[in-house]
Every structure is written in structure tokens, then in C-alpha cells.
ModelCIF file with pLDDT and N, C-alpha, C, O atoms, coordinates in Angstrom:
data_MODEL
#
_entry.id   MODEL 
#
_entity.id                         1 
_entity.type                       polymer 
_entity.pdbx_number_of_molecules   1 
#
_entity_poly.entity_id                      1 
_entity_poly.type                           'polypeptide(L)' 
_entity_poly.nstd_linkage                   no 
_entity_poly.nstd_monomer                   no 
_entity_poly.pdbx_seq_one_letter_code       REPLIIDSIKTELFDYLGGVCKELESQPIIVGG 
_entity_poly.pdbx_seq_one_letter_code_can   REPLIIDSIKTELFDYLGGVCKELESQPIIVGG 
_entity_poly.pdbx_strand_id                 A 
#
loop_
_entity_poly_seq.entity_id 
_entity_poly_seq.num 
_entity_poly_seq.mon_id 
_entity_poly_seq.hetero 
1 1  ARG n 
1 2  GLU n 
1 3  PRO n 
1 4  LEU n 
1 5  ILE n 
1 6  ILE n 
1 7  ASP n 
1 8  SER n 
1 9  ILE n 
1 10 LYS n 
1 11 THR n 
1 12 GLU n 
1 13 LEU n 
1 14 PHE n 
1 15 ASP n 
1 16 TYR n 
1 17 LEU n 
1 18 GLY n 
1 19 GLY n 
1 20 VAL n 
1 21 CYS n 
1 22 LYS n 
1 23 GLU n 
1 24 LEU n 
1 25 GLU n 
1 26 SER n 
1 27 GLN n 
1 28 PRO n 
1 29 ILE n 
1 30 ILE n 
1 31 VAL n 
1 32 GLY n 
1 33 GLY n 
#
_struct_asym.id          A 
_struct_asym.entity_id   1 
#
loop_
_ma_qa_metric.id 
_ma_qa_metric.mode 
_ma_qa_metric.name 
_ma_qa_metric.software_group_id 
_ma_qa_metric.type 
1 global pLDDT . pLDDT 
2 local  pLDDT . pLDDT 
#
_ma_qa_metric_global.metric_id      1 
_ma_qa_metric_global.metric_value   96.70 
_ma_qa_metric_global.model_id       1 
_ma_qa_metric_global.ordinal_id     1 
#
loop_
_ma_qa_metric_local.label_asym_id 
_ma_qa_metric_local.label_comp_id 
_ma_qa_metric_local.label_seq_id 
_ma_qa_metric_local.metric_id 
_ma_qa_metric_local.metric_value 
_ma_qa_metric_local.model_id 
_ma_qa_metric_local.ordinal_id 
A ARG 1  2 92.00 1 1  
A GLU 2  2 94.00 1 2  
A PRO 3  2 94.00 1 3  
A LEU 4  2 95.00 1 4  
A ILE 5  2 96.00 1 5  
A ILE 6  2 95.00 1 6  
A ASP 7  2 94.00 1 7  
A SER 8  2 93.00 1 8  
A ILE 9  2 95.00 1 9  
A LYS 10 2 96.00 1 10 
A THR 11 2 96.00 1 11 
A GLU 12 2 97.00 1 12 
A LEU 13 2 98.00 1 13 
A PHE 14 2 98.00 1 14 
A ASP 15 2 98.00 1 15 
A TYR 16 2 98.00 1 16 
A LEU 17 2 98.00 1 17 
A GLY 18 2 98.00 1 18 
A GLY 19 2 98.00 1 19 
A VAL 20 2 98.00 1 20 
A CYS 21 2 98.00 1 21 
A LYS 22 2 98.00 1 22 
A GLU 23 2 98.00 1 23 
A LEU 24 2 98.00 1 24 
A GLU 25 2 97.00 1 25 
A SER 26 2 98.00 1 26 
A GLN 27 2 97.00 1 27 
A PRO 28 2 98.00 1 28 
A ILE 29 2 98.00 1 29 
A ILE 30 2 98.00 1 30 
A VAL 31 2 98.00 1 31 
A GLY 32 2 97.00 1 32 
A GLY 33 2 97.00 1 33 
#
loop_
_atom_site.group_PDB 
_atom_site.id 
_atom_site.type_symbol 
_atom_site.label_atom_id 
_atom_site.label_alt_id 
_atom_site.label_comp_id 
_atom_site.label_asym_id 
_atom_site.label_entity_id 
_atom_site.label_seq_id 
_atom_site.pdbx_PDB_ins_code 
_atom_site.Cartn_x 
_atom_site.Cartn_y 
_atom_site.Cartn_z 
_atom_site.occupancy 
_atom_site.B_iso_or_equiv 
_atom_site.pdbx_formal_charge 
_atom_site.auth_seq_id 
_atom_site.auth_comp_id 
_atom_site.auth_asym_id 
_atom_site.auth_atom_id 
_atom_site.pdbx_PDB_model_num 
ATOM 1   N N  . ARG A 1 1  ? 158.739 175.655 73.375 1.00 92.00 ? 1  ARG A N  1 
ATOM 2   C CA . ARG A 1 1  ? 158.626 176.688 72.264 1.00 92.00 ? 1  ARG A CA 1 
ATOM 3   C C  . ARG A 1 1  ? 159.279 176.256 71.036 1.00 92.00 ? 1  ARG A C  1 
ATOM 4   O O  . ARG A 1 1  ? 159.839 177.052 70.282 1.00 92.00 ? 1  ARG A O  1 
ATOM 5   N N  . GLU A 1 2  ? 159.211 174.995 70.827 1.00 94.00 ? 2  GLU A N  1 
ATOM 6   C CA . GLU A 1 2  ? 159.785 174.754 69.477 1.00 94.00 ? 2  GLU A CA 1 
ATOM 7   C C  . GLU A 1 2  ? 159.324 175.167 68.294 1.00 94.00 ? 2  GLU A C  1 
ATOM 8   O O  . GLU A 1 2  ? 158.109 174.969 68.297 1.00 94.00 ? 2  GLU A O  1 
ATOM 9   N N  . PRO A 1 3  ? 159.630 175.585 67.401 1.00 94.00 ? 3  PRO A N  1 
ATOM 10  C CA . PRO A 1 3  ? 158.989 176.228 65.902 1.00 94.00 ? 3  PRO A CA 1 
ATOM 11  C C  . PRO A 1 3  ? 158.634 175.092 65.122 1.00 94.00 ? 3  PRO A C  1 
ATOM 12  O O  . PRO A 1 3  ? 159.092 174.971 63.986 1.00 94.00 ? 3  PRO A O  1 
ATOM 13  N N  . LEU A 1 4  ? 157.723 174.089 65.704 1.00 95.00 ? 4  LEU A N  1 
ATOM 14  C CA . LEU A 1 4  ? 156.996 172.944 64.755 1.00 95.00 ? 4  LEU A CA 1 
ATOM 15  C C  . LEU A 1 4  ? 155.777 173.296 64.061 1.00 95.00 ? 4  LEU A C  1 
ATOM 16  O O  . LEU A 1 4  ? 155.401 172.548 63.158 1.00 95.00 ? 4  LEU A O  1 
ATOM 17  N N  . ILE A 1 5  ? 155.019 174.460 64.390 1.00 96.00 ? 5  ILE A N  1 
ATOM 18  C CA . ILE A 1 5  ? 154.058 174.670 63.373 1.00 96.00 ? 5  ILE A CA 1 
ATOM 19  C C  . ILE A 1 5  ? 154.361 175.399 62.538 1.00 96.00 ? 5  ILE A C  1 
ATOM 20  O O  . ILE A 1 5  ? 154.444 176.621 62.664 1.00 96.00 ? 5  ILE A O  1 
ATOM 21  N N  . ILE A 1 6  ? 154.644 174.556 61.232 1.00 95.00 ? 6  ILE A N  1 
ATOM 22  C CA . ILE A 1 6  ? 155.232 175.023 60.082 1.00 95.00 ? 6  ILE A CA 1 
ATOM 23  C C  . ILE A 1 6  ? 154.164 175.490 59.260 1.00 95.00 ? 6  ILE A C  1 
ATOM 24  O O  . ILE A 1 6  ? 153.028 175.075 59.488 1.00 95.00 ? 6  ILE A O  1 
ATOM 25  N N  . ASP A 1 7  ? 154.409 176.434 58.177 1.00 94.00 ? 7  ASP A N  1 
ATOM 26  C CA . ASP A 1 7  ? 153.336 176.790 57.367 1.00 94.00 ? 7  ASP A CA 1 
ATOM 27  C C  . ASP A 1 7  ? 152.692 175.752 56.645 1.00 94.00 ? 7  ASP A C  1 
ATOM 28  O O  . ASP A 1 7  ? 151.482 175.934 56.513 1.00 94.00 ? 7  ASP A O  1 
ATOM 29  N N  . SER A 1 8  ? 153.094 174.843 56.200 1.00 93.00 ? 8  SER A N  1 
ATOM 30  C CA . SER A 1 8  ? 152.323 173.756 55.485 1.00 93.00 ? 8  SER A CA 1 
ATOM 31  C C  . SER A 1 8  ? 151.283 173.108 56.432 1.00 93.00 ? 8  SER A C  1 
ATOM 32  O O  . SER A 1 8  ? 150.399 172.446 55.888 1.00 93.00 ? 8  SER A O  1 
ATOM 33  N N  . ILE A 1 9  ? 151.278 173.195 57.520 1.00 95.00 ? 9  ILE A N  1 
ATOM 34  C CA . ILE A 1 9  ? 150.505 172.675 58.231 1.00 95.00 ? 9  ILE A CA 1 
ATOM 35  C C  . ILE A 1 9  ? 149.590 173.598 59.161 1.00 95.00 ? 9  ILE A C  1 
ATOM 36  O O  . ILE A 1 9  ? 148.540 173.200 59.665 1.00 95.00 ? 9  ILE A O  1 
ATOM 37  N N  . LYS A 1 10 ? 150.182 175.034 59.345 1.00 96.00 ? 10 LYS A N  1 
ATOM 38  C CA . LYS A 1 10 ? 149.201 175.800 60.004 1.00 96.00 ? 10 LYS A CA 1 
ATOM 39  C C  . LYS A 1 10 ? 147.974 176.041 60.281 1.00 96.00 ? 10 LYS A C  1 
ATOM 40  O O  . LYS A 1 10 ? 147.433 176.127 61.383 1.00 96.00 ? 10 LYS A O  1 
ATOM 41  N N  . THR A 1 11 ? 147.339 176.202 58.734 1.00 96.00 ? 11 THR A N  1 
ATOM 42  C CA . THR A 1 11 ? 146.151 176.681 58.745 1.00 96.00 ? 11 THR A CA 1 
ATOM 43  C C  . THR A 1 11 ? 145.269 175.310 58.835 1.00 96.00 ? 11 THR A C  1 
ATOM 44  O O  . THR A 1 11 ? 144.072 175.427 59.101 1.00 96.00 ? 11 THR A O  1 
ATOM 45  N N  . GLU A 1 12 ? 145.837 173.986 58.616 1.00 97.00 ? 12 GLU A N  1 
ATOM 46  C CA . GLU A 1 12 ? 144.753 173.025 58.645 1.00 97.00 ? 12 GLU A CA 1 
ATOM 47  C C  . GLU A 1 12 ? 144.885 172.578 60.248 1.00 97.00 ? 12 GLU A C  1 
ATOM 48  O O  . GLU A 1 12 ? 143.974 171.864 60.670 1.00 97.00 ? 12 GLU A O  1 
ATOM 49  N N  . LEU A 1 13 ? 145.890 172.924 61.116 1.00 98.00 ? 13 LEU A N  1 
ATOM 50  C CA . LEU A 1 13 ? 145.992 172.783 62.600 1.00 98.00 ? 13 LEU A CA 1 
ATOM 51  C C  . LEU A 1 13 ? 144.923 173.786 63.171 1.00 98.00 ? 13 LEU A C  1 
ATOM 52  O O  . LEU A 1 13 ? 144.152 173.407 64.052 1.00 98.00 ? 13 LEU A O  1 
ATOM 53  N N  . PHE A 1 14 ? 144.874 175.064 62.672 1.00 98.00 ? 14 PHE A N  1 
ATOM 54  C CA . PHE A 1 14 ? 144.001 175.965 63.185 1.00 98.00 ? 14 PHE A CA 1 
ATOM 55  C C  . PHE A 1 14 ? 142.464 175.565 62.952 1.00 98.00 ? 14 PHE A C  1 
ATOM 56  O O  . PHE A 1 14 ? 141.512 175.808 63.695 1.00 98.00 ? 14 PHE A O  1 
ATOM 57  N N  . ASP A 1 15 ? 142.474 174.937 61.814 1.00 98.00 ? 15 ASP A N  1 
ATOM 58  C CA . ASP A 1 15 ? 141.090 174.631 61.688 1.00 98.00 ? 15 ASP A CA 1 
ATOM 59  C C  . ASP A 1 15 ? 140.507 173.224 62.459 1.00 98.00 ? 15 ASP A C  1 
ATOM 60  O O  . ASP A 1 15 ? 139.357 172.950 62.801 1.00 98.00 ? 15 ASP A O  1 
ATOM 61  N N  . TYR A 1 16 ? 141.629 172.532 62.576 1.00 98.00 ? 16 TYR A N  1 
ATOM 62  C CA . TYR A 1 16 ? 141.325 171.159 63.266 1.00 98.00 ? 16 TYR A CA 1 
ATOM 63  C C  . TYR A 1 16 ? 140.936 171.693 65.029 1.00 98.00 ? 16 TYR A C  1 
ATOM 64  O O  . TYR A 1 16 ? 139.957 171.259 65.638 1.00 98.00 ? 16 TYR A O  1 
ATOM 65  N N  . LEU A 1 17 ? 141.832 172.592 65.553 1.00 98.00 ? 17 LEU A N  1 
ATOM 66  C CA . LEU A 1 17 ? 141.727 173.042 66.783 1.00 98.00 ? 17 LEU A CA 1 
ATOM 67  C C  . LEU A 1 17 ? 140.167 173.686 67.096 1.00 98.00 ? 17 LEU A C  1 
ATOM 68  O O  . LEU A 1 17 ? 139.517 173.583 68.137 1.00 98.00 ? 17 LEU A O  1 
ATOM 69  N N  . GLY A 1 18 ? 139.840 174.314 65.953 1.00 98.00 ? 18 GLY A N  1 
ATOM 70  C CA . GLY A 1 18 ? 138.372 175.141 65.913 1.00 98.00 ? 18 GLY A CA 1 
ATOM 71  C C  . GLY A 1 18 ? 137.459 174.014 65.869 1.00 98.00 ? 18 GLY A C  1 
ATOM 72  O O  . GLY A 1 18 ? 136.449 174.147 66.560 1.00 98.00 ? 18 GLY A O  1 
ATOM 73  N N  . GLY A 1 19 ? 137.613 172.685 65.060 1.00 98.00 ? 19 GLY A N  1 
ATOM 74  C CA . GLY A 1 19 ? 136.733 171.739 64.963 1.00 98.00 ? 19 GLY A CA 1 
ATOM 75  C C  . GLY A 1 19 ? 136.452 171.130 66.266 1.00 98.00 ? 19 GLY A C  1 
ATOM 76  O O  . GLY A 1 19 ? 135.301 170.854 66.603 1.00 98.00 ? 19 GLY A O  1 
ATOM 77  N N  . VAL A 1 20 ? 137.533 170.901 67.048 1.00 98.00 ? 20 VAL A N  1 
ATOM 78  C CA . VAL A 1 20 ? 137.604 170.500 68.240 1.00 98.00 ? 20 VAL A CA 1 
ATOM 79  C C  . VAL A 1 20 ? 136.883 171.383 69.241 1.00 98.00 ? 20 VAL A C  1 
ATOM 80  O O  . VAL A 1 20 ? 136.151 170.767 70.016 1.00 98.00 ? 20 VAL A O  1 
ATOM 81  N N  . CYS A 1 21 ? 136.931 172.480 69.361 1.00 98.00 ? 21 CYS A N  1 
ATOM 82  C CA . CYS A 1 21 ? 135.840 173.427 70.012 1.00 98.00 ? 21 CYS A CA 1 
ATOM 83  C C  . CYS A 1 21 ? 134.521 173.333 69.643 1.00 98.00 ? 21 CYS A C  1 
ATOM 84  O O  . CYS A 1 21 ? 133.617 173.311 70.479 1.00 98.00 ? 21 CYS A O  1 
ATOM 85  N N  . LYS A 1 22 ? 134.335 173.275 68.441 1.00 98.00 ? 22 LYS A N  1 
ATOM 86  C CA . LYS A 1 22 ? 132.777 173.097 67.918 1.00 98.00 ? 22 LYS A CA 1 
ATOM 87  C C  . LYS A 1 22 ? 132.288 171.761 68.483 1.00 98.00 ? 22 LYS A C  1 
ATOM 88  O O  . LYS A 1 22 ? 131.201 171.756 69.060 1.00 98.00 ? 22 LYS A O  1 
ATOM 89  N N  . GLU A 1 23 ? 132.982 170.639 68.372 1.00 98.00 ? 23 GLU A N  1 
ATOM 90  C CA . GLU A 1 23 ? 132.308 169.290 68.870 1.00 98.00 ? 23 GLU A CA 1 
ATOM 91  C C  . GLU A 1 23 ? 132.126 169.463 70.397 1.00 98.00 ? 23 GLU A C  1 
ATOM 92  O O  . GLU A 1 23 ? 131.218 168.801 70.899 1.00 98.00 ? 23 GLU A O  1 
ATOM 93  N N  . LEU A 1 24 ? 132.782 170.174 71.119 1.00 98.00 ? 24 LEU A N  1 
ATOM 94  C CA . LEU A 1 24 ? 132.576 170.515 72.507 1.00 98.00 ? 24 LEU A CA 1 
ATOM 95  C C  . LEU A 1 24 ? 131.753 171.490 72.915 1.00 98.00 ? 24 LEU A C  1 
ATOM 96  O O  . LEU A 1 24 ? 131.709 171.921 74.067 1.00 98.00 ? 24 LEU A O  1 
ATOM 97  N N  . GLU A 1 25 ? 130.925 171.950 71.777 1.00 97.00 ? 25 GLU A N  1 
ATOM 98  C CA . GLU A 1 25 ? 130.102 173.076 71.895 1.00 97.00 ? 25 GLU A CA 1 
ATOM 99  C C  . GLU A 1 25 ? 130.598 174.493 72.398 1.00 97.00 ? 25 GLU A C  1 
ATOM 100 O O  . GLU A 1 25 ? 129.863 175.339 72.907 1.00 97.00 ? 25 GLU A O  1 
ATOM 101 N N  . SER A 1 26 ? 131.729 174.600 72.214 1.00 98.00 ? 26 SER A N  1 
ATOM 102 C CA . SER A 1 26 ? 132.404 175.717 72.468 1.00 98.00 ? 26 SER A CA 1 
ATOM 103 C C  . SER A 1 26 ? 132.689 176.656 71.123 1.00 98.00 ? 26 SER A C  1 
ATOM 104 O O  . SER A 1 26 ? 133.709 176.457 70.462 1.00 98.00 ? 26 SER A O  1 
ATOM 105 N N  . GLN A 1 27 ? 131.826 177.591 70.789 1.00 97.00 ? 27 GLN A N  1 
ATOM 106 C CA . GLN A 1 27 ? 131.907 178.265 69.467 1.00 97.00 ? 27 GLN A CA 1 
ATOM 107 C C  . GLN A 1 27 ? 133.308 178.889 69.206 1.00 97.00 ? 27 GLN A C  1 
ATOM 108 O O  . GLN A 1 27 ? 133.610 179.839 69.929 1.00 97.00 ? 27 GLN A O  1 
ATOM 109 N N  . PRO A 1 28 ? 134.164 178.499 68.309 1.00 98.00 ? 28 PRO A N  1 
ATOM 110 C CA . PRO A 1 28 ? 135.319 179.153 68.063 1.00 98.00 ? 28 PRO A CA 1 
ATOM 111 C C  . PRO A 1 28 ? 134.901 180.382 67.401 1.00 98.00 ? 28 PRO A C  1 
ATOM 112 O O  . PRO A 1 28 ? 133.892 180.464 66.701 1.00 98.00 ? 28 PRO A O  1 
ATOM 113 N N  . ILE A 1 29 ? 135.821 181.467 67.677 1.00 98.00 ? 29 ILE A N  1 
ATOM 114 C CA . ILE A 1 29 ? 135.537 182.812 66.784 1.00 98.00 ? 29 ILE A CA 1 
ATOM 115 C C  . ILE A 1 29 ? 136.755 182.939 65.964 1.00 98.00 ? 29 ILE A C  1 
ATOM 116 O O  . ILE A 1 29 ? 136.608 183.288 64.792 1.00 98.00 ? 29 ILE A O  1 
ATOM 117 N N  . ILE A 1 30 ? 137.971 182.696 66.432 1.00 98.00 ? 30 ILE A N  1 
ATOM 118 C CA . ILE A 1 30 ? 139.048 182.676 65.697 1.00 98.00 ? 30 ILE A CA 1 
ATOM 119 C C  . ILE A 1 30 ? 140.334 181.919 66.357 1.00 98.00 ? 30 ILE A C  1 
ATOM 120 O O  . ILE A 1 30 ? 140.564 182.094 67.553 1.00 98.00 ? 30 ILE A O  1 
ATOM 121 N N  . VAL A 1 31 ? 141.108 181.140 65.628 1.00 98.00 ? 31 VAL A N  1 
ATOM 122 C CA . VAL A 1 31 ? 142.271 180.388 66.210 1.00 98.00 ? 31 VAL A CA 1 
ATOM 123 C C  . VAL A 1 31 ? 143.423 180.856 65.269 1.00 98.00 ? 31 VAL A C  1 
ATOM 124 O O  . VAL A 1 31 ? 143.185 181.097 64.086 1.00 98.00 ? 31 VAL A O  1 
ATOM 125 N N  . GLY A 1 32 ? 144.663 180.981 65.795 1.00 97.00 ? 32 GLY A N  1 
ATOM 126 C CA . GLY A 1 32 ? 145.704 181.381 65.242 1.00 97.00 ? 32 GLY A CA 1 
ATOM 127 C C  . GLY A 1 32 ? 146.774 181.211 65.754 1.00 97.00 ? 32 GLY A C  1 
ATOM 128 O O  . GLY A 1 32 ? 146.918 180.349 66.621 1.00 97.00 ? 32 GLY A O  1 
ATOM 129 N N  . GLY A 1 33 ? 147.734 181.959 65.359 1.00 97.00 ? 33 GLY A N  1 
ATOM 130 C CA . GLY A 1 33 ? 149.245 181.851 66.283 1.00 97.00 ? 33 GLY A CA 1 
ATOM 131 C C  . GLY A 1 33 ? 150.233 181.892 65.012 1.00 97.00 ? 33 GLY A C  1 
ATOM 132 O O  . GLY A 1 33 ? 151.452 181.839 65.176 1.00 97.00 ? 33 GLY A O  1 
#
């Protein structure tokens, strides 16, 4: 639980995770944290 998801990368990371879901035909509804 290291606090490594810093603000400068957060939105891009969430978008990336959603993109992986899409590539795997698993439609993302929301990614956050």
C-alpha cells in the first residue's frame, strides 16, 4: 500500500487500465482510486 500513484500520473494510469480492459473486450465503466 505504498502511496505511489501520484497526482501527475493518476489520470493517465486510470485511462491506461481502462484501455487494457477495452483491448480484452471487457468494457470499462469507470476506473478510479
